[in-house]
Amino acid sequence: MFLHDWIGLVAGTLTTVAFIPQVIKIWRSKKADDISVSMFLIFTVGVALWMIYGIQIASLPVMLANAVTMMLALVILILKYRYRK
């Protein structure tokens, strides 16, 4: 692996892991009132497009980071729907 691949993997890991505290907070509190559905929908579509881009250029860091980020964003959207008032 090249240095740029390692930098991409570390960057992707950090930006993806950043969503985990939000998922945990929503899961524990059973509240997602402050989560913007429109922001997360737009974000999820953007992440899906980044993942497609990663597949097209055969970039493992781009594919992995965006696949996991998309799953976490979808979990947040599902929890937002599940815990709505």
Protein backbone atom coordinates (compact mmCIF):
# COMPACT_ATOMS: atom_id res chain seq x y z
CA MET A 1 0.00 0.00 0.00
CA PHE A 2 1.14 3.51 -0.78
CA LEU A 3 1.38 6.37 1.72
CA HIS A 4 -1.65 8.09 0.18
CA ASP A 5 -3.70 4.92 0.77
CA TRP A 6 -2.74 4.90 4.47
CA ILE A 7 -3.56 8.60 4.79
CA GLY A 8 -6.94 7.91 3.15
CA LEU A 9 -7.64 4.99 5.48
CA VAL A 10 -6.80 7.02 8.60
CA ALA A 11 -8.83 10.02 7.39
CA GLY A 12 -11.78 7.79 6.47
CA THR A 13 -11.60 5.99 9.81
CA LEU A 14 -11.60 9.23 11.80
CA THR A 15 -14.46 10.86 9.88
CA THR A 16 -16.49 7.66 10.04
CA VAL A 17 -15.88 6.96 13.74
CA ALA A 18 -17.03 10.53 14.46
CA PHE A 19 -20.63 9.36 13.88
CA ILE A 20 -20.52 6.61 16.51
CA PRO A 21 -21.02 8.92 19.55
CA GLN A 22 -24.14 10.37 17.91
CA VAL A 23 -25.57 6.90 17.27
CA ILE A 24 -24.83 5.89 20.88
CA LYS A 25 -26.38 9.09 22.25
CA ILE A 26 -29.59 8.60 20.28
CA TRP A 27 -29.73 4.91 21.17
CA ARG A 28 -29.31 5.55 24.90
CA SER A 29 -31.55 8.60 25.21
CA LYS A 30 -34.22 7.29 22.79
CA LYS A 31 -34.46 10.89 21.53
CA ALA A 32 -33.46 12.31 18.15
CA ASP A 33 -35.46 15.53 18.16
CA ASP A 34 -32.47 17.71 17.25
CA ILE A 35 -31.40 15.59 14.28
CA SER A 36 -32.20 17.20 10.93
CA VAL A 37 -33.77 14.63 8.61
CA SER A 38 -33.14 16.74 5.51
CA MET A 39 -29.46 17.19 6.40
CA PHE A 40 -28.96 13.47 6.96
CA LEU A 41 -30.84 12.55 3.76
CA ILE A 42 -28.70 14.93 1.71
CA PHE A 43 -25.57 13.72 3.51
CA THR A 44 -26.44 10.06 2.92
CA VAL A 45 -26.97 10.63 -0.81
CA GLY A 46 -23.63 12.46 -0.94
CA VAL A 47 -21.87 9.62 0.86
CA ALA A 48 -23.47 7.08 -1.50
CA LEU A 49 -22.14 9.07 -4.45
CA TRP A 50 -18.67 9.17 -2.86
CA MET A 51 -18.85 5.39 -2.44
CA ILE A 52 -19.79 4.97 -6.13
CA TYR A 53 -16.90 7.25 -7.02
CA GLY A 54 -14.56 5.12 -4.89
CA ILE A 55 -15.73 2.00 -6.70
CA GLN A 56 -15.18 3.66 -10.08
CA ILE A 57 -11.62 4.69 -9.24
CA ALA A 58 -10.96 1.45 -7.31
CA SER A 59 -9.96 3.29 -4.13
CA LEU A 60 -10.27 1.04 -1.10
CA PRO A 61 -10.08 3.93 1.43
CA VAL A 62 -12.86 5.85 -0.33
CA MET A 63 -15.05 2.76 -0.71
CA LEU A 64 -14.66 1.52 2.88
CA ALA A 65 -14.99 4.84 4.64
CA ASN A 66 -18.09 5.83 2.72
CA ALA A 67 -19.75 2.42 2.99
CA VAL A 68 -19.43 2.46 6.79
CA THR A 69 -20.35 6.17 7.05
CA MET A 70 -23.45 5.54 4.94
CA MET A 71 -24.50 2.70 7.24
CA LEU A 72 -24.06 4.89 10.33
CA ALA A 73 -26.00 7.75 8.73
CA LEU A 74 -28.79 5.33 7.83
CA VAL A 75 -28.84 4.06 11.42
CA ILE A 76 -29.26 7.64 12.62
CA LEU A 77 -32.13 8.17 10.18
CA ILE A 78 -33.78 4.92 11.27
CA LEU A 79 -33.44 5.87 14.94
CA LYS A 80 -34.81 9.34 14.17
CA TYR A 81 -37.88 7.69 12.63
CA ARG A 82 -38.17 5.09 15.39
CA TYR A 83 -38.00 7.60 18.25
CA ARG A 84 -40.19 10.29 16.70
CA LYS A 85 -42.94 11.73 18.84
